[in-house]
Structures are given as C-alpha cells and as structure tokens.
Amino acid sequence: DSAGEIDAALTARIVDGIAAAGIHNIVTGGNTGEFYSLTVDEVIRL
C-alpha cells in the first residue's frame, strides 16, 4: 500500500487471478514475492 505495508486485498486479487487461470501450484513467499525483503512475520502473513 501507500505506506509500504502488504496490501492484503490486492495481493489476494493477484493470487485469485493465478488460481482462476488454472496454474497448478501457487508459490507464496518466493523470490517474485520479495521473500528476502519481508520480515518473518510478513512471510507468515503472506
């Protein structure tokens, strides 16, 4: 979001689009998800 915190609603929208497209396996907290710039608590929330 504008404060630099995880935008849960928009992130959920991205995941929803991937799932709706039939992608077999959704990886959460991977490098495209910026794993190493997230705190451990943020990874768990993600």
ModelCIF file with pLDDT and N, C-alpha, C, O atoms, coordinates in Angstrom:
data_MODEL
#
_entry.id   MODEL 
#
_entity.id                         1 
_entity.type                       polymer 
_entity.pdbx_number_of_molecules   1 
#
_entity_poly.entity_id                      1 
_entity_poly.type                           'polypeptide(L)' 
_entity_poly.nstd_linkage                   no 
_entity_poly.nstd_monomer                   no 
_entity_poly.pdbx_seq_one_letter_code       DSAGEIDAALTARIVDGIAAAGIHNIVTGGNTGEFYSLTVDEVIRL 
_entity_poly.pdbx_seq_one_letter_code_can   DSAGEIDAALTARIVDGIAAAGIHNIVTGGNTGEFYSLTVDEVIRL 
_entity_poly.pdbx_strand_id                 A 
#
loop_
_entity_poly_seq.entity_id 
_entity_poly_seq.num 
_entity_poly_seq.mon_id 
_entity_poly_seq.hetero 
1 1  ASP n 
1 2  SER n 
1 3  ALA n 
1 4  GLY n 
1 5  GLU n 
1 6  ILE n 
1 7  ASP n 
1 8  ALA n 
1 9  ALA n 
1 10 LEU n 
1 11 THR n 
1 12 ALA n 
1 13 ARG n 
1 14 ILE n 
1 15 VAL n 
1 16 ASP n 
1 17 GLY n 
1 18 ILE n 
1 19 ALA n 
1 20 ALA n 
1 21 ALA n 
1 22 GLY n 
1 23 ILE n 
1 24 HIS n 
1 25 ASN n 
1 26 ILE n 
1 27 VAL n 
1 28 THR n 
1 29 GLY n 
1 30 GLY n 
1 31 ASN n 
1 32 THR n 
1 33 GLY n 
1 34 GLU n 
1 35 PHE n 
1 36 TYR n 
1 37 SER n 
1 38 LEU n 
1 39 THR n 
1 40 VAL n 
1 41 ASP n 
1 42 GLU n 
1 43 VAL n 
1 44 ILE n 
1 45 ARG n 
1 46 LEU n 
#
_struct_asym.id          A 
_struct_asym.entity_id   1 
#
loop_
_ma_qa_metric.id 
_ma_qa_metric.mode 
_ma_qa_metric.name 
_ma_qa_metric.software_group_id 
_ma_qa_metric.type 
1 global pLDDT . pLDDT 
2 local  pLDDT . pLDDT 
#
_ma_qa_metric_global.metric_id      1 
_ma_qa_metric_global.metric_value   97.93 
_ma_qa_metric_global.model_id       1 
_ma_qa_metric_global.ordinal_id     1 
#
loop_
_ma_qa_metric_local.label_asym_id 
_ma_qa_metric_local.label_comp_id 
_ma_qa_metric_local.label_seq_id 
_ma_qa_metric_local.metric_id 
_ma_qa_metric_local.metric_value 
_ma_qa_metric_local.model_id 
_ma_qa_metric_local.ordinal_id 
A ASP 1  2 98.00 1 1  
A SER 2  2 96.00 1 2  
A ALA 3  2 97.00 1 3  
A GLY 4  2 97.00 1 4  
A GLU 5  2 98.00 1 5  
A ILE 6  2 98.00 1 6  
A ASP 7  2 98.00 1 7  
A ALA 8  2 98.00 1 8  
A ALA 9  2 98.00 1 9  
A LEU 10 2 98.00 1 10 
A THR 11 2 99.00 1 11 
A ALA 12 2 98.00 1 12 
A ARG 13 2 98.00 1 13 
A ILE 14 2 98.00 1 14 
A VAL 15 2 98.00 1 15 
A ASP 16 2 98.00 1 16 
A GLY 17 2 98.00 1 17 
A ILE 18 2 98.00 1 18 
A ALA 19 2 98.00 1 19 
A ALA 20 2 98.00 1 20 
A ALA 21 2 98.00 1 21 
A GLY 22 2 98.00 1 22 
A ILE 23 2 98.00 1 23 
A HIS 24 2 98.00 1 24 
A ASN 25 2 98.00 1 25 
A ILE 26 2 99.00 1 26 
A VAL 27 2 99.00 1 27 
A THR 28 2 98.00 1 28 
A GLY 29 2 98.00 1 29 
A GLY 30 2 98.00 1 30 
A ASN 31 2 98.00 1 31 
A THR 32 2 98.00 1 32 
A GLY 33 2 98.00 1 33 
A GLU 34 2 98.00 1 34 
A PHE 35 2 98.00 1 35 
A TYR 36 2 97.00 1 36 
A SER 37 2 97.00 1 37 
A LEU 38 2 98.00 1 38 
A THR 39 2 98.00 1 39 
A VAL 40 2 98.00 1 40 
A ASP 41 2 98.00 1 41 
A GLU 42 2 98.00 1 42 
A VAL 43 2 98.00 1 43 
A ILE 44 2 98.00 1 44 
A ARG 45 2 98.00 1 45 
A LEU 46 2 98.00 1 46 
#
loop_
_atom_site.group_PDB 
_atom_site.id 
_atom_site.type_symbol 
_atom_site.label_atom_id 
_atom_site.label_alt_id 
_atom_site.label_comp_id 
_atom_site.label_asym_id 
_atom_site.label_entity_id 
_atom_site.label_seq_id 
_atom_site.pdbx_PDB_ins_code 
_atom_site.Cartn_x 
_atom_site.Cartn_y 
_atom_site.Cartn_z 
_atom_site.occupancy 
_atom_site.B_iso_or_equiv 
_atom_site.pdbx_formal_charge 
_atom_site.auth_seq_id 
_atom_site.auth_comp_id 
_atom_site.auth_asym_id 
_atom_site.auth_atom_id 
_atom_site.pdbx_PDB_model_num 
ATOM 1   N N  . ASP A 1 1  ? 0.833  -1.197  0.000   1.00 98.00 ? 1  ASP A N  1 
ATOM 2   C CA . ASP A 1 1  ? 0.000  0.000   0.000   1.00 98.00 ? 1  ASP A CA 1 
ATOM 3   C C  . ASP A 1 1  ? 0.873  1.255   0.000   1.00 98.00 ? 1  ASP A C  1 
ATOM 4   O O  . ASP A 1 1  ? 2.096  1.161   -0.113  1.00 98.00 ? 1  ASP A O  1 
ATOM 5   N N  . SER A 1 2  ? 0.262  2.403   0.124   1.00 96.00 ? 2  SER A N  1 
ATOM 6   C CA . SER A 1 2  ? 0.990  3.667   0.043   1.00 96.00 ? 2  SER A CA 1 
ATOM 7   C C  . SER A 1 2  ? 1.985  3.848   1.180   1.00 96.00 ? 2  SER A C  1 
ATOM 8   O O  . SER A 1 2  ? 2.908  4.657   1.075   1.00 96.00 ? 2  SER A O  1 
ATOM 9   N N  . ALA A 1 3  ? 1.807  3.109   2.255   1.00 97.00 ? 3  ALA A N  1 
ATOM 10  C CA . ALA A 1 3  ? 2.732  3.178   3.385   1.00 97.00 ? 3  ALA A CA 1 
ATOM 11  C C  . ALA A 1 3  ? 3.836  2.125   3.296   1.00 97.00 ? 3  ALA A C  1 
ATOM 12  O O  . ALA A 1 3  ? 4.693  2.044   4.177   1.00 97.00 ? 3  ALA A O  1 
ATOM 13  N N  . GLY A 1 4  ? 3.816  1.324   2.240   1.00 97.00 ? 4  GLY A N  1 
ATOM 14  C CA . GLY A 1 4  ? 4.836  0.298   2.072   1.00 97.00 ? 4  GLY A CA 1 
ATOM 15  C C  . GLY A 1 4  ? 4.547  -0.992  2.803   1.00 97.00 ? 4  GLY A C  1 
ATOM 16  O O  . GLY A 1 4  ? 5.417  -1.858  2.895   1.00 97.00 ? 4  GLY A O  1 
ATOM 17  N N  . GLU A 1 5  ? 3.331  -1.141  3.330   1.00 98.00 ? 5  GLU A N  1 
ATOM 18  C CA . GLU A 1 5  ? 2.937  -2.371  4.014   1.00 98.00 ? 5  GLU A CA 1 
ATOM 19  C C  . GLU A 1 5  ? 2.224  -3.304  3.043   1.00 98.00 ? 5  GLU A C  1 
ATOM 20  O O  . GLU A 1 5  ? 1.725  -2.861  2.009   1.00 98.00 ? 5  GLU A O  1 
ATOM 21  N N  . ILE A 1 6  ? 2.173  -4.578  3.367   1.00 98.00 ? 6  ILE A N  1 
ATOM 22  C CA . ILE A 1 6  ? 1.492  -5.543  2.493   1.00 98.00 ? 6  ILE A CA 1 
ATOM 23  C C  . ILE A 1 6  ? 0.037  -5.134  2.298   1.00 98.00 ? 6  ILE A C  1 
ATOM 24  O O  . ILE A 1 6  ? -0.696 -4.909  3.261   1.00 98.00 ? 6  ILE A O  1 
ATOM 25  N N  . ASP A 1 7  ? -0.364 -5.043  1.037   1.00 98.00 ? 7  ASP A N  1 
ATOM 26  C CA . ASP A 1 7  ? -1.753 -4.776  0.689   1.00 98.00 ? 7  ASP A CA 1 
ATOM 27  C C  . ASP A 1 7  ? -2.439 -6.134  0.530   1.00 98.00 ? 7  ASP A C  1 
ATOM 28  O O  . ASP A 1 7  ? -2.334 -6.779  -0.514  1.00 98.00 ? 7  ASP A O  1 
ATOM 29  N N  . ALA A 1 8  ? -3.135 -6.550  1.573   1.00 98.00 ? 8  ALA A N  1 
ATOM 30  C CA . ALA A 1 8  ? -3.712 -7.892  1.588   1.00 98.00 ? 8  ALA A CA 1 
ATOM 31  C C  . ALA A 1 8  ? -4.752 -8.078  0.491   1.00 98.00 ? 8  ALA A C  1 
ATOM 32  O O  . ALA A 1 8  ? -4.787 -9.123  -0.159  1.00 98.00 ? 8  ALA A O  1 
ATOM 33  N N  . ALA A 1 9  ? -5.599 -7.073  0.280   1.00 98.00 ? 9  ALA A N  1 
ATOM 34  C CA . ALA A 1 9  ? -6.679 -7.213  -0.690  1.00 98.00 ? 9  ALA A CA 1 
ATOM 35  C C  . ALA A 1 9  ? -6.134 -7.339  -2.111  1.00 98.00 ? 9  ALA A C  1 
ATOM 36  O O  . ALA A 1 9  ? -6.600 -8.181  -2.879  1.00 98.00 ? 9  ALA A O  1 
ATOM 37  N N  . LEU A 1 10 ? -5.156 -6.514  -2.465  1.00 98.00 ? 10 LEU A N  1 
ATOM 38  C CA . LEU A 1 10 ? -4.616 -6.570  -3.820  1.00 98.00 ? 10 LEU A CA 1 
ATOM 39  C C  . LEU A 1 10 ? -3.761 -7.814  -4.032  1.00 98.00 ? 10 LEU A C  1 
ATOM 40  O O  . LEU A 1 10 ? -3.777 -8.406  -5.111  1.00 98.00 ? 10 LEU A O  1 
ATOM 41  N N  . THR A 1 11 ? -3.015 -8.210  -3.004  1.00 99.00 ? 11 THR A N  1 
ATOM 42  C CA . THR A 1 11 ? -2.242 -9.451  -3.111  1.00 99.00 ? 11 THR A CA 1 
ATOM 43  C C  . THR A 1 11 ? -3.184 -10.636 -3.307  1.00 99.00 ? 11 THR A C  1 
ATOM 44  O O  . THR A 1 11 ? -2.910 -11.523 -4.115  1.00 99.00 ? 11 THR A O  1 
ATOM 45  N N  . ALA A 1 12 ? -4.278 -10.651 -2.578  1.00 98.00 ? 12 ALA A N  1 
ATOM 46  C CA . ALA A 1 12 ? -5.278 -11.715 -2.737  1.00 98.00 ? 12 ALA A CA 1 
ATOM 47  C C  . ALA A 1 12 ? -5.858 -11.712 -4.146  1.00 98.00 ? 12 ALA A C  1 
ATOM 48  O O  . ALA A 1 12 ? -6.140 -12.771 -4.706  1.00 98.00 ? 12 ALA A O  1 
ATOM 49  N N  . ARG A 1 13 ? -6.036 -10.532 -4.717  1.00 98.00 ? 13 ARG A N  1 
ATOM 50  C CA . ARG A 1 13 ? -6.560 -10.434 -6.085  1.00 98.00 ? 13 ARG A CA 1 
ATOM 51  C C  . ARG A 1 13 ? -5.575 -11.053 -7.082  1.00 98.00 ? 13 ARG A C  1 
ATOM 52  O O  . ARG A 1 13 ? -5.989 -11.721 -8.030  1.00 98.00 ? 13 ARG A O  1 
ATOM 53  N N  . ILE A 1 14 ? -4.286 -10.833 -6.871  1.00 98.00 ? 14 ILE A N  1 
ATOM 54  C CA . ILE A 1 14 ? -3.268 -11.421 -7.743  1.00 98.00 ? 14 ILE A CA 1 
ATOM 55  C C  . ILE A 1 14 ? -3.326 -12.951 -7.646  1.00 98.00 ? 14 ILE A C  1 
ATOM 56  O O  . ILE A 1 14 ? -3.332 -13.643 -8.664  1.00 98.00 ? 14 ILE A O  1 
ATOM 57  N N  . VAL A 1 15 ? -3.370 -13.466 -6.425  1.00 98.00 ? 15 VAL A N  1 
ATOM 58  C CA . VAL A 1 15 ? -3.443 -14.921 -6.220  1.00 98.00 ? 15 VAL A CA 1 
ATOM 59  C C  . VAL A 1 15 ? -4.710 -15.490 -6.850  1.00 98.00 ? 15 VAL A C  1 
ATOM 60  O O  . VAL A 1 15 ? -4.680 -16.549 -7.476  1.00 98.00 ? 15 VAL A O  1 
ATOM 61  N N  . ASP A 1 16 ? -5.809 -14.788 -6.683  1.00 98.00 ? 16 ASP A N  1 
ATOM 62  C CA . ASP A 1 16 ? -7.075 -15.241 -7.259  1.00 98.00 ? 16 ASP A CA 1 
ATOM 63  C C  . ASP A 1 16 ? -6.974 -15.374 -8.775  1.00 98.00 ? 16 ASP A C  1 
ATOM 64  O O  . ASP A 1 16 ? -7.487 -16.333 -9.351  1.00 98.00 ? 16 ASP A O  1 
ATOM 65  N N  . GLY A 1 17 ? -6.316 -14.417 -9.419  1.00 98.00 ? 17 GLY A N  1 
ATOM 66  C CA . GLY A 1 17 ? -6.164 -14.471 -10.867 1.00 98.00 ? 17 GLY A CA 1 
ATOM 67  C C  . GLY A 1 17 ? -5.322 -15.644 -11.326 1.00 98.00 ? 17 GLY A C  1 
ATOM 68  O O  . GLY A 1 17 ? -5.617 -16.268 -12.345 1.00 98.00 ? 17 GLY A O  1 
ATOM 69  N N  . ILE A 1 18 ? -4.266 -15.948 -10.569 1.00 98.00 ? 18 ILE A N  1 
ATOM 70  C CA . ILE A 1 18 ? -3.404 -17.079 -10.914 1.00 98.00 ? 18 ILE A CA 1 
ATOM 71  C C  . ILE A 1 18 ? -4.162 -18.394 -10.754 1.00 98.00 ? 18 ILE A C  1 
ATOM 72  O O  . ILE A 1 18 ? -4.075 -19.281 -11.603 1.00 98.00 ? 18 ILE A O  1 
ATOM 73  N N  . ALA A 1 19 ? -4.901 -18.508 -9.660  1.00 98.00 ? 19 ALA A N  1 
ATOM 74  C CA . ALA A 1 19 ? -5.682 -19.724 -9.429  1.00 98.00 ? 19 ALA A CA 1 
ATOM 75  C C  . ALA A 1 19 ? -6.773 -19.888 -10.479 1.00 98.00 ? 19 ALA A C  1 
ATOM 76  O O  . ALA A 1 19 ? -7.002 -20.992 -10.974 1.00 98.00 ? 19 ALA A O  1 
ATOM 77  N N  . ALA A 1 20 ? -7.444 -18.796 -10.818 1.00 98.00 ? 20 ALA A N  1 
ATOM 78  C CA . ALA A 1 20 ? -8.528 -18.853 -11.805 1.00 98.00 ? 20 ALA A CA 1 
ATOM 79  C C  . ALA A 1 20 ? -8.016 -19.267 -13.179 1.00 98.00 ? 20 ALA A C  1 
ATOM 80  O O  . ALA A 1 20 ? -8.763 -19.831 -13.979 1.00 98.00 ? 20 ALA A O  1 
ATOM 81  N N  . ALA A 1 21 ? -6.740 -18.988 -13.456 1.00 98.00 ? 21 ALA A N  1 
ATOM 82  C CA . ALA A 1 21 ? -6.148 -19.360 -14.745 1.00 98.00 ? 21 ALA A CA 1 
ATOM 83  C C  . ALA A 1 21 ? -5.768 -20.836 -14.810 1.00 98.00 ? 21 ALA A C  1 
ATOM 84  O O  . ALA A 1 21 ? -5.366 -21.328 -15.864 1.00 98.00 ? 21 ALA A O  1 
ATOM 85  N N  . GLY A 1 22 ? -5.891 -21.539 -13.692 1.00 98.00 ? 22 GLY A N  1 
ATOM 86  C CA . GLY A 1 22 ? -5.614 -22.970 -13.684 1.00 98.00 ? 22 GLY A CA 1 
ATOM 87  C C  . GLY A 1 22 ? -4.168 -23.335 -13.417 1.00 98.00 ? 22 GLY A C  1 
ATOM 88  O O  . GLY A 1 22 ? -3.768 -24.473 -13.658 1.00 98.00 ? 22 GLY A O  1 
ATOM 89  N N  . ILE A 1 23 ? -3.370 -22.388 -12.921 1.00 98.00 ? 23 ILE A N  1 
ATOM 90  C CA . ILE A 1 23 ? -1.978 -22.690 -12.599 1.00 98.00 ? 23 ILE A CA 1 
ATOM 91  C C  . ILE A 1 23 ? -1.957 -23.755 -11.500 1.00 98.00 ? 23 ILE A C  1 
ATOM 92  O O  . ILE A 1 23 ? -2.676 -23.648 -10.507 1.00 98.00 ? 23 ILE A O  1 
ATOM 93  N N  . HIS A 1 24 ? -1.138 -24.765 -11.687 1.00 98.00 ? 24 HIS A N  1 
ATOM 94  C CA . HIS A 1 24 ? -1.208 -25.968 -10.854 1.00 98.00 ? 24 HIS A CA 1 
ATOM 95  C C  . HIS A 1 24 ? -0.779 -25.739 -9.406  1.00 98.00 ? 24 HIS A C  1 
ATOM 96  O O  . HIS A 1 24 ? -1.377 -26.288 -8.480  1.00 98.00 ? 24 HIS A O  1 
ATOM 97  N N  . ASN A 1 25 ? 0.243  -24.939 -9.221  1.00 98.00 ? 25 ASN A N  1 
ATOM 98  C CA . ASN A 1 25 ? 0.865  -24.787 -7.895  1.00 98.00 ? 25 ASN A CA 1 
ATOM 99  C C  . ASN A 1 25 ? 1.195  -23.316 -7.701  1.00 98.00 ? 25 ASN A C  1 
ATOM 100 O O  . ASN A 1 25 ? 1.934  -22.736 -8.498  1.00 98.00 ? 25 ASN A O  1 
ATOM 101 N N  . ILE A 1 26 ? 0.656  -22.706 -6.649  1.00 99.00 ? 26 ILE A N  1 
ATOM 102 C CA . ILE A 1 26 ? 0.939  -21.304 -6.349  1.00 99.00 ? 26 ILE A CA 1 
ATOM 103 C C  . ILE A 1 26 ? 1.952  -21.250 -5.220  1.00 99.00 ? 26 ILE A C  1 
ATOM 104 O O  . ILE A 1 26 ? 1.725  -21.777 -4.131  1.00 99.00 ? 26 ILE A O  1 
ATOM 105 N N  . VAL A 1 27 ? 3.079  -20.599 -5.502  1.00 99.00 ? 27 VAL A N  1 
ATOM 106 C CA . VAL A 1 27 ? 4.147  -20.467 -4.511  1.00 99.00 ? 27 VAL A CA 1 
ATOM 107 C C  . VAL A 1 27 ? 4.016  -19.097 -3.856  1.00 99.00 ? 27 VAL A C  1 
ATOM 108 O O  . VAL A 1 27 ? 4.045  -18.070 -4.535  1.00 99.00 ? 27 VAL A O  1 
ATOM 109 N N  . THR A 1 28 ? 3.873  -19.086 -2.546  1.00 98.00 ? 28 THR A N  1 
ATOM 110 C CA . THR A 1 28 ? 3.747  -17.843 -1.811  1.00 98.00 ? 28 THR A CA 1 
ATOM 111 C C  . THR A 1 28 ? 5.022  -17.588 -1.005  1.00 98.00 ? 28 THR A C  1 
ATOM 112 O O  . THR A 1 28 ? 5.504  -18.462 -0.284  1.00 98.00 ? 28 THR A O  1 
ATOM 113 N N  . GLY A 1 29 ? 5.556  -16.378 -1.143  1.00 98.00 ? 29 GLY A N  1 
ATOM 114 C CA . GLY A 1 29 ? 6.805  -16.050 -0.455  1.00 98.00 ? 29 GLY A CA 1 
ATOM 115 C C  . GLY A 1 29 ? 8.034  -16.444 -1.248  1.00 98.00 ? 29 GLY A C  1 
ATOM 116 O O  . GLY A 1 29 ? 9.115  -16.593 -0.678  1.00 98.00 ? 29 GLY A O  1 
ATOM 117 N N  . GLY A 1 30 ? 7.887  -16.615 -2.553  1.00 98.00 ? 30 GLY A N  1 
ATOM 118 C CA . GLY A 1 30 ? 9.052  -16.895 -3.386  1.00 98.00 ? 30 GLY A CA 1 
ATOM 119 C C  . GLY A 1 30 ? 9.804  -15.617 -3.707  1.00 98.00 ? 30 GLY A C  1 
ATOM 120 O O  . GLY A 1 30 ? 9.471  -14.547 -3.198  1.00 98.00 ? 30 GLY A O  1 
ATOM 121 N N  . ASN A 1 31 ? 10.811 -15.730 -4.545  1.00 98.00 ? 31 ASN A N  1 
ATOM 122 C CA . ASN A 1 31 ? 11.607 -14.542 -4.869  1.00 98.00 ? 31 ASN A CA 1 
ATOM 123 C C  . ASN A 1 31 ? 10.796 -13.485 -5.602  1.00 98.00 ? 31 ASN A C  1 
ATOM 124 O O  . ASN A 1 31 ? 11.015 -12.292 -5.387  1.00 98.00 ? 31 ASN A O  1 
ATOM 125 N N  . THR A 1 32 ? 9.857  -13.892 -6.468  1.00 98.00 ? 32 THR A N  1 
ATOM 126 C CA . THR A 1 32 ? 8.996  -12.910 -7.120  1.00 98.00 ? 32 THR A CA 1 
ATOM 127 C C  . THR A 1 32 ? 8.099  -12.219 -6.106  1.00 98.00 ? 32 THR A C  1 
ATOM 128 O O  . THR A 1 32 ? 7.610  -11.118 -6.357  1.00 98.00 ? 32 THR A O  1 
ATOM 129 N N  . GLY A 1 33 ? 7.883  -12.852 -4.975  1.00 98.00 ? 33 GLY A N  1 
ATOM 130 C CA . GLY A 1 33 ? 7.120  -12.249 -3.882  1.00 98.00 ? 33 GLY A CA 1 
ATOM 131 C C  . GLY A 1 33 ? 7.971  -11.465 -2.911  1.00 98.00 ? 33 GLY A C  1 
ATOM 132 O O  . GLY A 1 33 ? 7.470  -11.005 -1.885  1.00 98.00 ? 33 GLY A O  1 
ATOM 133 N N  . GLU A 1 34 ? 9.275  -11.299 -3.216  1.00 98.00 ? 34 GLU A N  1 
ATOM 134 C CA . GLU A 1 34 ? 10.212 -10.486 -2.421  1.00 98.00 ? 34 GLU A CA 1 
ATOM 135 C C  . GLU A 1 34 ? 10.485 -11.085 -1.041  1.00 98.00 ? 34 GLU A C  1 
ATOM 136 O O  . GLU A 1 34 ? 10.509 -10.374 -0.036  1.00 98.00 ? 34 GLU A O  1 
ATOM 137 N N  . PHE A 1 35 ? 10.687 -12.397 -1.008  1.00 98.00 ? 35 PHE A N  1 
ATOM 138 C CA . PHE A 1 35 ? 10.887 -13.104 0.262   1.00 98.00 ? 35 PHE A CA 1 
ATOM 139 C C  . PHE A 1 35 ? 11.937 -12.440 1.147   1.00 98.00 ? 35 PHE A C  1 
ATOM 140 O O  . PHE A 1 35 ? 11.714 -12.260 2.344   1.00 98.00 ? 35 PHE A O  1 
ATOM 141 N N  . TYR A 1 36 ? 13.063 -12.082 0.577   1.00 97.00 ? 36 TYR A N  1 
ATOM 142 C CA . TYR A 1 36 ? 14.169 -11.608 1.408   1.00 97.00 ? 36 TYR A CA 1 
ATOM 143 C C  . TYR A 1 36 ? 14.020 -10.157 1.862   1.00 97.00 ? 36 TYR A C  1 
ATOM 144 O O  . TYR A 1 36 ? 14.806 -9.696  2.689   1.00 97.00 ? 36 TYR A O  1 
ATOM 145 N N  . SER A 1 37 ? 13.040 -9.434  1.348   1.00 97.00 ? 37 SER A N  1 
ATOM 146 C CA . SER A 1 37 ? 12.784 -8.087  1.855   1.00 97.00 ? 37 SER A CA 1 
ATOM 147 C C  . SER A 1 37 ? 11.624 -8.060  2.839   1.00 97.00 ? 37 SER A C  1 
ATOM 148 O O  . SER A 1 37 ? 11.291 -7.011  3.389   1.00 97.00 ? 37 SER A O  1 
ATOM 149 N N  . LEU A 1 38 ? 11.011 -9.220  3.057   1.00 98.00 ? 38 LEU A N  1 
ATOM 150 C CA . LEU A 1 38 ? 9.933  -9.347  4.031   1.00 98.00 ? 38 LEU A CA 1 
ATOM 151 C C  . LEU A 1 38 ? 10.479 -9.825  5.376   1.00 98.00 ? 38 LEU A C  1 
ATOM 152 O O  . LEU A 1 38 ? 11.458 -10.570 5.418   1.00 98.00 ? 38 LEU A O  1 
ATOM 153 N N  . THR A 1 39 ? 9.858  -9.406  6.461   1.00 98.00 ? 39 THR A N  1 
ATOM 154 C CA . THR A 1 39 ? 10.187 -9.969  7.758   1.00 98.00 ? 39 THR A CA 1 
ATOM 155 C C  . THR A 1 39 ? 9.589  -11.369 7.868   1.00 98.00 ? 39 THR A C  1 
ATOM 156 O O  . THR A 1 39 ? 8.727  -11.744 7.073   1.00 98.00 ? 39 THR A O  1 
ATOM 157 N N  . VAL A 1 40 ? 10.039 -12.126 8.838   1.00 98.00 ? 40 VAL A N  1 
ATOM 158 C CA . VAL A 1 40 ? 9.477  -13.465 9.042   1.00 98.00 ? 40 VAL A CA 1 
ATOM 159 C C  . VAL A 1 40 ? 7.977  -13.369 9.297   1.00 98.00 ? 40 VAL A C  1 
ATOM 160 O O  . VAL A 1 40 ? 7.205  -14.166 8.763   1.00 98.00 ? 40 VAL A O  1 
ATOM 161 N N  . ASP A 1 41 ? 7.559  -12.402 10.108  1.00 98.00 ? 41 ASP A N  1 
ATOM 162 C CA . ASP A 1 41 ? 6.127  -12.242 10.381  1.00 98.00 ? 41 ASP A CA 1 
ATOM 163 C C  . ASP A 1 41 ? 5.352  -11.910 9.114   1.00 98.00 ? 41 ASP A C  1 
ATOM 164 O O  . ASP A 1 41 ? 4.228  -12.378 8.933   1.00 98.00 ? 41 ASP A O  1 
ATOM 165 N N  . GLU A 1 42 ? 5.948  -11.101 8.231   1.00 98.00 ? 42 GLU A N  1 
ATOM 166 C CA . GLU A 1 42 ? 5.273  -10.763 6.977   1.00 98.00 ? 42 GLU A CA 1 
ATOM 167 C C  . GLU A 1 42 ? 5.161  -11.982 6.070   1.00 98.00 ? 42 GLU A C  1 
ATOM 168 O O  . GLU A 1 42 ? 4.141  -12.167 5.407   1.00 98.00 ? 42 GLU A O  1 
ATOM 169 N N  . VAL A 1 43 ? 6.195  -12.811 6.035   1.00 98.00 ? 43 VAL A N  1 
ATOM 170 C CA . VAL A 1 43 ? 6.142  -14.033 5.234   1.00 98.00 ? 43 VAL A CA 1 
ATOM 171 C C  . VAL A 1 43 ? 4.994  -14.919 5.707   1.00 98.00 ? 43 VAL A C  1 
ATOM 172 O O  . VAL A 1 43 ? 4.235  -15.448 4.894   1.00 98.00 ? 43 VAL A O  1 
ATOM 173 N N  . ILE A 1 44 ? 4.871  -15.076 6.998   1.00 98.00 ? 44 ILE A N  1 
ATOM 174 C CA . ILE A 1 44 ? 3.811  -15.916 7.561   1.00 98.00 ? 44 ILE A CA 1 
ATOM 175 C C  . ILE A 1 44 ? 2.431  -15.322 7.248   1.00 98.00 ? 44 ILE A C  1 
ATOM 176 O O  . ILE A 1 44 ? 1.490  -16.055 6.943   1.00 98.00 ? 44 ILE A O  1 
ATOM 177 N N  . ARG A 1 45 ? 2.319  -14.001 7.325   1.00 98.00 ? 45 ARG A N  1 
ATOM 178 C CA . ARG A 1 45 ? 1.044  -13.356 6.970   1.00 98.00 ? 45 ARG A CA 1 
ATOM 179 C C  . ARG A 1 45 ? 0.738  -13.553 5.498   1.00 98.00 ? 45 ARG A C  1 
ATOM 180 O O  . ARG A 1 45 ? -0.408 -13.805 5.128   1.00 98.00 ? 45 ARG A O  1 
ATOM 181 N N  . LEU A 1 46 ? 1.756  -13.440 4.653   1.00 98.00 ? 46 LEU A N  1 
ATOM 182 C CA . LEU A 1 46 ? 1.568  -13.607 3.219   1.00 98.00 ? 46 LEU A CA 1 
ATOM 183 C C  . LEU A 1 46 ? 1.039  -15.001 2.895   1.00 98.00 ? 46 LEU A C  1 
ATOM 184 O O  . LEU A 1 46 ? 0.820  -15.322 1.727   1.00 98.00 ? 46 LEU A O  1 
#
